[in-house]
Amino acid sequence: MRWWRIGNVALILLVLPLVTYLLNRVLAGLERIRHASDRIVASGAELVSDLDGVPDALATTDQTIKDVSAGAARYGDSVAKLLS
């Protein structure tokens, strides 16, 4: 019974402060992560307005690819005729 009391005192005096200290460090890290993620979300919301022209730019890119591929096919046919 005496050893149980010594173990309980050791638990209270040694382990609980250590657990409290480690938990405090983890919670402080989580708080820093939360603040950083809030800043990232705020910056991302500002960048959304910069993406307004993307659909038009993609449509232009698609049309350019179609035009270039048609020209490349004609060029390939001409080269094939020259080499044969």
PDB file of N, CA and C in Angstrom:
ATOM      1  N   MET A   1       0.801  -1.182   0.000  1.00  0.00           N
ATOM      2  CA  MET A   1       0.000   0.000   0.000  1.00  0.00           C
ATOM      3  C   MET A   1       0.855   1.262   0.000  1.00  0.00           C
ATOM      4  N   ARG A   2       1.985   1.149   0.675  1.00  0.00           N
ATOM      5  CA  ARG A   2       2.886   2.289   0.758  1.00  0.00           C
ATOM      6  C   ARG A   2       3.436   2.638  -0.632  1.00  0.00           C
ATOM      7  N   TRP A   3       3.766   1.606  -1.434  1.00  0.00           N
ATOM      8  CA  TRP A   3       4.303   1.841  -2.784  1.00  0.00           C
ATOM      9  C   TRP A   3       3.265   2.503  -3.689  1.00  0.00           C
ATOM     10  N   TRP A   4       2.003   2.176  -3.487  1.00  0.00           N
ATOM     11  CA  TRP A   4       0.947   2.813  -4.264  1.00  0.00           C
ATOM     12  C   TRP A   4       0.890   4.308  -3.979  1.00  0.00           C
ATOM     13  N   ARG A   5       1.047   4.673  -2.731  1.00  0.00           N
ATOM     14  CA  ARG A   5       1.033   6.094  -2.366  1.00  0.00           C
ATOM     15  C   ARG A   5       2.233   6.821  -2.955  1.00  0.00           C
ATOM     16  N   ILE A   6       3.387   6.172  -2.902  1.00  0.00           N
ATOM     17  CA  ILE A   6       4.592   6.771  -3.507  1.00  0.00           C
ATOM     18  C   ILE A   6       4.394   6.924  -5.013  1.00  0.00           C
ATOM     19  N   GLY A   7       3.828   5.922  -5.657  1.00  0.00           N
ATOM     20  CA  GLY A   7       3.558   5.994  -7.087  1.00  0.00           C
ATOM     21  C   GLY A   7       2.562   7.089  -7.418  1.00  0.00           C
ATOM     22  N   ASN A   8       1.540   7.247  -6.614  1.00  0.00           N
ATOM     23  CA  ASN A   8       0.554   8.301  -6.844  1.00  0.00           C
ATOM     24  C   ASN A   8       1.170   9.693  -6.686  1.00  0.00           C
ATOM     25  N   VAL A   9       2.025   9.840  -5.676  1.00  0.00           N
ATOM     26  CA  VAL A   9       2.700  11.126  -5.473  1.00  0.00           C
ATOM     27  C   VAL A   9       3.626  11.414  -6.656  1.00  0.00           C
ATOM     28  N   ALA A  10       4.352  10.398  -7.110  1.00  0.00           N
ATOM     29  CA  ALA A  10       5.235  10.589  -8.267  1.00  0.00           C
ATOM     30  C   ALA A  10       4.425  10.961  -9.503  1.00  0.00           C
ATOM     31  N   LEU A  11       3.282  10.342  -9.653  1.00  0.00           N
ATOM     32  CA  LEU A  11       2.417  10.657 -10.786  1.00  0.00           C
ATOM     33  C   LEU A  11       1.970  12.109 -10.737  1.00  0.00           C
ATOM     34  N   ILE A  12       1.566  12.535  -9.583  1.00  0.00           N
ATOM     35  CA  ILE A  12       1.070  13.908  -9.442  1.00  0.00           C
ATOM     36  C   ILE A  12       2.200  14.918  -9.586  1.00  0.00           C
ATOM     37  N   LEU A  13       3.352  14.639  -9.006  1.00  0.00           N
ATOM     38  CA  LEU A  13       4.443  15.614  -8.989  1.00  0.00           C
ATOM     39  C   LEU A  13       5.303  15.599 -10.254  1.00  0.00           C
ATOM     40  N   LEU A  14       5.400  14.476 -10.931  1.00  0.00           N
ATOM     41  CA  LEU A  14       6.301  14.386 -12.073  1.00  0.00           C
ATOM     42  C   LEU A  14       5.572  14.276 -13.413  1.00  0.00           C
ATOM     43  N   VAL A  15       4.647  13.392 -13.497  1.00  0.00           N
ATOM     44  CA  VAL A  15       4.036  13.088 -14.787  1.00  0.00           C
ATOM     45  C   VAL A  15       3.019  14.146 -15.199  1.00  0.00           C
ATOM     46  N   LEU A  16       2.148  14.555 -14.305  1.00  0.00           N
ATOM     47  CA  LEU A  16       1.123  15.527 -14.655  1.00  0.00           C
ATOM     48  C   LEU A  16       1.691  16.871 -15.121  1.00  0.00           C
ATOM     49  N   PRO A  17       2.721  17.421 -14.461  1.00  0.00           N
ATOM     50  CA  PRO A  17       3.308  18.664 -15.003  1.00  0.00           C
ATOM     51  C   PRO A  17       3.940  18.456 -16.381  1.00  0.00           C
ATOM     52  N   LEU A  18       4.541  17.285 -16.591  1.00  0.00           N
ATOM     53  CA  LEU A  18       5.134  17.005 -17.897  1.00  0.00           C
ATOM     54  C   LEU A  18       4.053  16.925 -18.972  1.00  0.00           C
ATOM     55  N   VAL A  19       2.974  16.254 -18.672  1.00  0.00           N
ATOM     56  CA  VAL A  19       1.868  16.152 -19.634  1.00  0.00           C
ATOM     57  C   VAL A  19       1.279  17.537 -19.902  1.00  0.00           C
ATOM     58  N   THR A  20       1.133  18.331 -18.869  1.00  0.00           N
ATOM     59  CA  THR A  20       0.611  19.686 -19.025  1.00  0.00           C
ATOM     60  C   THR A  20       1.540  20.525 -19.897  1.00  0.00           C
ATOM     61  N   TYR A  21       2.822  20.424 -19.686  1.00  0.00           N
ATOM     62  CA  TYR A  21       3.806  21.163 -20.475  1.00  0.00           C
ATOM     63  C   TYR A  21       3.745  20.749 -21.947  1.00  0.00           C
ATOM     64  N   LEU A  22       3.725  19.438 -22.182  1.00  0.00           N
ATOM     65  CA  LEU A  22       3.676  18.957 -23.567  1.00  0.00           C
ATOM     66  C   LEU A  22       2.371  19.343 -24.245  1.00  0.00           C
ATOM     67  N   LEU A  23       1.272  19.263 -23.539  1.00  0.00           N
ATOM     68  CA  LEU A  23      -0.017  19.655 -24.100  1.00  0.00           C
ATOM     69  C   LEU A  23      -0.031  21.141 -24.428  1.00  0.00           C
ATOM     70  N   ASN A  24       0.579  21.940 -23.585  1.00  0.00           N
ATOM     71  CA  ASN A  24       0.667  23.376 -23.835  1.00  0.00           C
ATOM     72  C   ASN A  24       1.465  23.654 -25.106  1.00  0.00           C
ATOM     73  N   ARG A  25       2.549  22.923 -25.306  1.00  0.00           N
ATOM     74  CA  ARG A  25       3.351  23.115 -26.522  1.00  0.00           C
ATOM     75  C   ARG A  25       2.587  22.708 -27.764  1.00  0.00           C
ATOM     76  N   VAL A  26       1.847  21.608 -27.687  1.00  0.00           N
ATOM     77  CA  VAL A  26       1.050  21.160 -28.831  1.00  0.00           C
ATOM     78  C   VAL A  26      -0.034  22.179 -29.156  1.00  0.00           C
ATOM     79  N   LEU A  27      -0.703  22.669 -28.129  1.00  0.00           N
ATOM     80  CA  LEU A  27      -1.766  23.653 -28.361  1.00  0.00           C
ATOM     81  C   LEU A  27      -1.206  24.966 -28.909  1.00  0.00           C
ATOM     82  N   ALA A  28      -0.018  25.366 -28.473  1.00  0.00           N
ATOM     83  CA  ALA A  28       0.607  26.573 -29.011  1.00  0.00           C
ATOM     84  C   ALA A  28       0.933  26.382 -30.494  1.00  0.00           C
ATOM     85  N   GLY A  29       1.429  25.205 -30.852  1.00  0.00           N
ATOM     86  CA  GLY A  29       1.698  24.917 -32.264  1.00  0.00           C
ATOM     87  C   GLY A  29       0.430  24.931 -33.090  1.00  0.00           C
ATOM     88  N   LEU A  30      -0.628  24.363 -32.559  1.00  0.00           N
ATOM     89  CA  LEU A  30      -1.912  24.382 -33.268  1.00  0.00           C
ATOM     90  C   LEU A  30      -2.425  25.803 -33.454  1.00  0.00           C
ATOM     91  N   GLU A  31      -2.207  26.625 -32.490  1.00  0.00           N
ATOM     92  CA  GLU A  31      -2.637  28.025 -32.593  1.00  0.00           C
ATOM     93  C   GLU A  31      -1.857  28.752 -33.688  1.00  0.00           C
ATOM     94  N   ARG A  32      -0.549  28.494 -33.771  1.00  0.00           N
ATOM     95  CA  ARG A  32       0.256  29.109 -34.842  1.00  0.00           C
ATOM     96  C   ARG A  32      -0.193  28.617 -36.206  1.00  0.00           C
ATOM     97  N   ILE A  33      -0.514  27.330 -36.306  1.00  0.00           N
ATOM     98  CA  ILE A  33      -0.992  26.779 -37.573  1.00  0.00           C
ATOM     99  C   ILE A  33      -2.323  27.414 -37.951  1.00  0.00           C
ATOM    100  N   ARG A  34      -3.199  27.604 -36.976  1.00  0.00           N
ATOM    101  CA  ARG A  34      -4.498  28.206 -37.261  1.00  0.00           C
ATOM    102  C   ARG A  34      -4.346  29.635 -37.767  1.00  0.00           C
ATOM    103  N   HIS A  35      -3.454  30.414 -37.145  1.00  0.00           N
ATOM    104  CA  HIS A  35      -3.228  31.780 -37.604  1.00  0.00           C
ATOM    105  C   HIS A  35      -2.641  31.793 -39.016  1.00  0.00           C
ATOM    106  N   ALA A  36      -1.711  30.893 -39.291  1.00  0.00           N
ATOM    107  CA  ALA A  36      -1.118  30.828 -40.628  1.00  0.00           C
ATOM    108  C   ALA A  36      -2.157  30.424 -41.660  1.00  0.00           C
ATOM    109  N   SER A  37      -3.010  29.476 -41.328  1.00  0.00           N
ATOM    110  CA  SER A  37      -4.038  29.063 -42.285  1.00  0.00           C
ATOM    111  C   SER A  37      -5.053  30.175 -42.513  1.00  0.00           C
ATOM    112  N   ASP A  38      -5.342  30.968 -41.497  1.00  0.00           N
ATOM    113  CA  ASP A  38      -6.243  32.112 -41.682  1.00  0.00           C
ATOM    114  C   ASP A  38      -5.638  33.123 -42.651  1.00  0.00           C
ATOM    115  N   ARG A  39      -4.337  33.352 -42.547  1.00  0.00           N
ATOM    116  CA  ARG A  39      -3.674  34.275 -43.479  1.00  0.00           C
ATOM    117  C   ARG A  39      -3.683  33.713 -44.892  1.00  0.00           C
ATOM    118  N   ILE A  40      -3.493  32.404 -45.027  1.00  0.00           N
ATOM    119  CA  ILE A  40      -3.502  31.778 -46.347  1.00  0.00           C
ATOM    120  C   ILE A  40      -4.881  31.902 -46.984  1.00  0.00           C
ATOM    121  N   VAL A  41      -5.921  31.678 -46.206  1.00  0.00           N
ATOM    122  CA  VAL A  41      -7.282  31.799 -46.729  1.00  0.00           C
ATOM    123  C   VAL A  41      -7.567  33.235 -47.152  1.00  0.00           C
ATOM    124  N   ALA A  42      -7.129  34.198 -46.367  1.00  0.00           N
ATOM    125  CA  ALA A  42      -7.350  35.604 -46.719  1.00  0.00           C
ATOM    126  C   ALA A  42      -6.615  35.958 -48.011  1.00  0.00           C
ATOM    127  N   SER A  43      -5.386  35.476 -48.157  1.00  0.00           N
ATOM    128  CA  SER A  43      -4.627  35.751 -49.381  1.00  0.00           C
ATOM    129  C   SER A  43      -5.246  35.047 -50.581  1.00  0.00           C
ATOM    130  N   GLY A  44      -5.746  33.850 -50.370  1.00  0.00           N
ATOM    131  CA  GLY A  44      -6.394  33.119 -51.457  1.00  0.00           C
ATOM    132  C   GLY A  44      -7.651  33.810 -51.927  1.00  0.00           C
ATOM    133  N   ALA A  45      -8.387  34.404 -51.012  1.00  0.00           N
ATOM    134  CA  ALA A  45      -9.595  35.132 -51.392  1.00  0.00           C
ATOM    135  C   ALA A  45      -9.247  36.351 -52.239  1.00  0.00           C
ATOM    136  N   GLU A  46      -8.112  36.964 -51.975  1.00  0.00           N
ATOM    137  CA  GLU A  46      -7.676  38.107 -52.782  1.00  0.00           C
ATOM    138  C   GLU A  46      -7.267  37.662 -54.184  1.00  0.00           C
ATOM    139  N   LEU A  47      -6.723  36.462 -54.313  1.00  0.00           N
ATOM    140  CA  LEU A  47      -6.264  35.982 -55.612  1.00  0.00           C
ATOM    141  C   LEU A  47      -7.392  35.531 -56.522  1.00  0.00           C
ATOM    142  N   VAL A  48      -8.559  35.272 -55.975  1.00  0.00           N
ATOM    143  CA  VAL A  48      -9.674  34.787 -56.792  1.00  0.00           C
ATOM    144  C   VAL A  48     -10.035  35.795 -57.866  1.00  0.00           C
ATOM    145  N   SER A  49      -9.942  37.070 -57.545  1.00  0.00           N
ATOM    146  CA  SER A  49     -10.293  38.091 -58.536  1.00  0.00           C
ATOM    147  C   SER A  49      -9.317  38.091 -59.713  1.00  0.00           C
ATOM    148  N   ASP A  50      -8.104  37.596 -59.505  1.00  0.00           N
ATOM    149  CA  ASP A  50      -7.133  37.537 -60.595  1.00  0.00           C
ATOM    150  C   ASP A  50      -7.434  36.417 -61.587  1.00  0.00           C
ATOM    151  N   LEU A  51      -8.334  35.505 -61.237  1.00  0.00           N
ATOM    152  CA  LEU A  51      -8.617  34.357 -62.095  1.00  0.00           C
ATOM    153  C   LEU A  51      -9.811  34.574 -63.013  1.00  0.00           C
ATOM    154  N   ASP A  52     -10.328  35.789 -63.072  1.00  0.00           N
ATOM    155  CA  ASP A  52     -11.512  36.050 -63.881  1.00  0.00           C
ATOM    156  C   ASP A  52     -11.262  35.826 -65.368  1.00  0.00           C
ATOM    157  N   GLY A  53     -10.080  36.107 -65.866  1.00  0.00           N
ATOM    158  CA  GLY A  53      -9.796  35.983 -67.288  1.00  0.00           C
ATOM    159  C   GLY A  53      -9.331  34.604 -67.727  1.00  0.00           C
ATOM    160  N   VAL A  54      -9.244  33.668 -66.828  1.00  0.00           N
ATOM    161  CA  VAL A  54      -8.715  32.342 -67.153  1.00  0.00           C
ATOM    162  C   VAL A  54      -9.581  31.594 -68.172  1.00  0.00           C
ATOM    163  N   PRO A  55     -10.905  31.563 -68.054  1.00  0.00           N
ATOM    164  CA  PRO A  55     -11.691  30.833 -69.060  1.00  0.00           C
ATOM    165  C   PRO A  55     -11.496  31.368 -70.479  1.00  0.00           C
ATOM    166  N   ASP A  56     -11.439  32.689 -70.624  1.00  0.00           N
ATOM    167  CA  ASP A  56     -11.205  33.260 -71.953  1.00  0.00           C
ATOM    168  C   ASP A  56      -9.814  32.896 -72.470  1.00  0.00           C
ATOM    169  N   ALA A  57      -8.821  32.923 -71.586  1.00  0.00           N
ATOM    170  CA  ALA A  57      -7.461  32.574 -71.997  1.00  0.00           C
ATOM    171  C   ALA A  57      -7.378  31.098 -72.398  1.00  0.00           C
ATOM    172  N   LEU A  58      -8.095  30.237 -71.703  1.00  0.00           N
ATOM    173  CA  LEU A  58      -8.091  28.819 -72.068  1.00  0.00           C
ATOM    174  C   LEU A  58      -8.785  28.590 -73.403  1.00  0.00           C
ATOM    175  N   ALA A  59      -9.847  29.335 -73.668  1.00  0.00           N
ATOM    176  CA  ALA A  59     -10.523  29.211 -74.965  1.00  0.00           C
ATOM    177  C   ALA A  59      -9.591  29.649 -76.090  1.00  0.00           C
ATOM    178  N   THR A  60      -8.857  30.727 -75.876  1.00  0.00           N
ATOM    179  CA  THR A  60      -7.886  31.184 -76.882  1.00  0.00           C
ATOM    180  C   THR A  60      -6.795  30.141 -77.084  1.00  0.00           C
ATOM    181  N   THR A  61      -6.323  29.552 -76.000  1.00  0.00           N
ATOM    182  CA  THR A  61      -5.290  28.527 -76.094  1.00  0.00           C
ATOM    183  C   THR A  61      -5.798  27.307 -76.852  1.00  0.00           C
ATOM    184  N   ASP A  62      -7.022  26.895 -76.584  1.00  0.00           N
ATOM    185  CA  ASP A  62      -7.592  25.748 -77.305  1.00  0.00           C
ATOM    186  C   ASP A  62      -7.677  26.024 -78.805  1.00  0.00           C
ATOM    187  N   GLN A  63      -8.098  27.220 -79.161  1.00  0.00           N
ATOM    188  CA  GLN A  63      -8.196  27.567 -80.584  1.00  0.00           C
ATOM    189  C   GLN A  63      -6.818  27.608 -81.227  1.00  0.00           C
ATOM    190  N   THR A  64      -5.845  28.135 -80.529  1.00  0.00           N
ATOM    191  CA  THR A  64      -4.478  28.185 -81.062  1.00  0.00           C
ATOM    192  C   THR A  64      -3.925  26.780 -81.274  1.00  0.00           C
ATOM    193  N   ILE A  65      -4.199  25.880 -80.341  1.00  0.00           N
ATOM    194  CA  ILE A  65      -3.729  24.494 -80.477  1.00  0.00           C
ATOM    195  C   ILE A  65      -4.359  23.832 -81.686  1.00  0.00           C
ATOM    196  N   LYS A  66      -5.652  24.077 -81.900  1.00  0.00           N
ATOM    197  CA  LYS A  66      -6.324  23.506 -83.076  1.00  0.00           C
ATOM    198  C   LYS A  66      -5.708  24.036 -84.361  1.00  0.00           C
ATOM    199  N   ASP A  67      -5.442  25.346 -84.414  1.00  0.00           N
ATOM    200  CA  ASP A  67      -4.841  25.946 -85.610  1.00  0.00           C
ATOM    201  C   ASP A  67      -3.442  25.396 -85.868  1.00  0.00           C
ATOM    202  N   VAL A  68      -2.648  25.282 -84.821  1.00  0.00           N
ATOM    203  CA  VAL A  68      -1.277  24.790 -84.971  1.00  0.00           C
ATOM    204  C   VAL A  68      -1.278  23.315 -85.368  1.00  0.00           C
ATOM    205  N   SER A  69      -2.165  22.532 -84.785  1.00  0.00           N
ATOM    206  CA  SER A  69      -2.178  21.108 -85.127  1.00  0.00           C
ATOM    207  C   SER A  69      -2.596  20.892 -86.574  1.00  0.00           C
ATOM    208  N   ALA A  70      -3.510  21.716 -87.073  1.00  0.00           N
ATOM    209  CA  ALA A  70      -3.897  21.599 -88.485  1.00  0.00           C
ATOM    210  C   ALA A  70      -2.713  21.942 -89.383  1.00  0.00           C
ATOM    211  N   GLY A  71      -1.986  22.994 -89.062  1.00  0.00           N
ATOM    212  CA  GLY A  71      -0.805  23.376 -89.842  1.00  0.00           C
ATOM    213  C   GLY A  71       0.293  22.324 -89.749  1.00  0.00           C
ATOM    214  N   ALA A  72       0.460  21.735 -88.592  1.00  0.00           N
ATOM    215  CA  ALA A  72       1.489  20.710 -88.427  1.00  0.00           C
ATOM    216  C   ALA A  72       1.141  19.464 -89.234  1.00  0.00           C
ATOM    217  N   ALA A  73      -0.136  19.145 -89.315  1.00  0.00           N
ATOM    218  CA  ALA A  73      -0.549  17.984 -90.116  1.00  0.00           C
ATOM    219  C   ALA A  73      -0.280  18.240 -91.602  1.00  0.00           C
ATOM    220  N   ARG A  74      -0.578  19.430 -92.057  1.00  0.00           N
ATOM    221  CA  ARG A  74      -0.290  19.774 -93.465  1.00  0.00           C
ATOM    222  C   ARG A  74       1.214  19.715 -93.729  1.00  0.00           C
ATOM    223  N   TYR A  75       2.004  20.224 -92.797  1.00  0.00           N
ATOM    224  CA  TYR A  75       3.453  20.201 -92.947  1.00  0.00           C
ATOM    225  C   TYR A  75       3.962  18.761 -92.981  1.00  0.00           C
ATOM    226  N   GLY A  76       3.434  17.924 -92.102  1.00  0.00           N
ATOM    227  CA  GLY A  76       3.850  16.525 -92.080  1.00  0.00           C
ATOM    228  C   GLY A  76       3.506  15.814 -93.367  1.00  0.00           C
ATOM    229  N   ASP A  77       2.342  16.106 -93.943  1.00  0.00           N
ATOM    230  CA  ASP A  77       1.971  15.511 -95.226  1.00  0.00           C
ATOM    231  C   ASP A  77       2.924  15.940 -96.328  1.00  0.00           C
ATOM    232  N   SER A  78       3.275  17.237 -96.336  1.00  0.00           N
ATOM    233  CA  SER A  78       4.192  17.746 -97.367  1.00  0.00           C
ATOM    234  C   SER A  78       5.572  17.096 -97.241  1.00  0.00           C
ATOM    235  N   VAL A  79       6.043  16.958 -96.030  1.00  0.00           N
ATOM    236  CA  VAL A  79       7.360  16.324 -95.829  1.00  0.00           C
ATOM    237  C   VAL A  79       7.303  14.862 -96.238  1.00  0.00           C
ATOM    238  N   ALA A  80       6.215  14.198 -95.942  1.00  0.00           N
ATOM    239  CA  ALA A  80       6.080  12.784 -96.315  1.00  0.00           C
ATOM    240  C   ALA A  80       6.097  12.635 -97.834  1.00  0.00           C
ATOM    241  N   LYS A  81       5.454  13.554 -98.560  1.00  0.00           N
ATOM    242  CA  LYS A  81       5.469  13.490-100.023  1.00  0.00           C
ATOM    243  C   LYS A  81       6.876  13.742-100.574  1.00  0.00           C
ATOM    244  N   LEU A  82       7.616  14.663 -99.937  1.00  0.00           N
ATOM    245  CA  LEU A  82       8.966  14.960-100.403  1.00  0.00           C
ATOM    246  C   LEU A  82       9.907  13.773-100.161  1.00  0.00           C
ATOM    247  N   LEU A  83       9.727  13.080 -99.070  1.00  0.00           N
ATOM    248  CA  LEU A  83      10.617  11.986 -98.723  1.00  0.00           C
ATOM    249  C   LEU A  83      10.263  10.681 -99.426  1.00  0.00           C
ATOM    250  N   SER A  84       9.091  10.592 -99.967  1.00  0.00           N
ATOM    251  CA  SER A  84       8.728   9.325-100.619  1.00  0.00           C
ATOM    252  C   SER A  84       9.080   9.282-102.079  1.00  0.00           C
TER     253      SER A  84
END
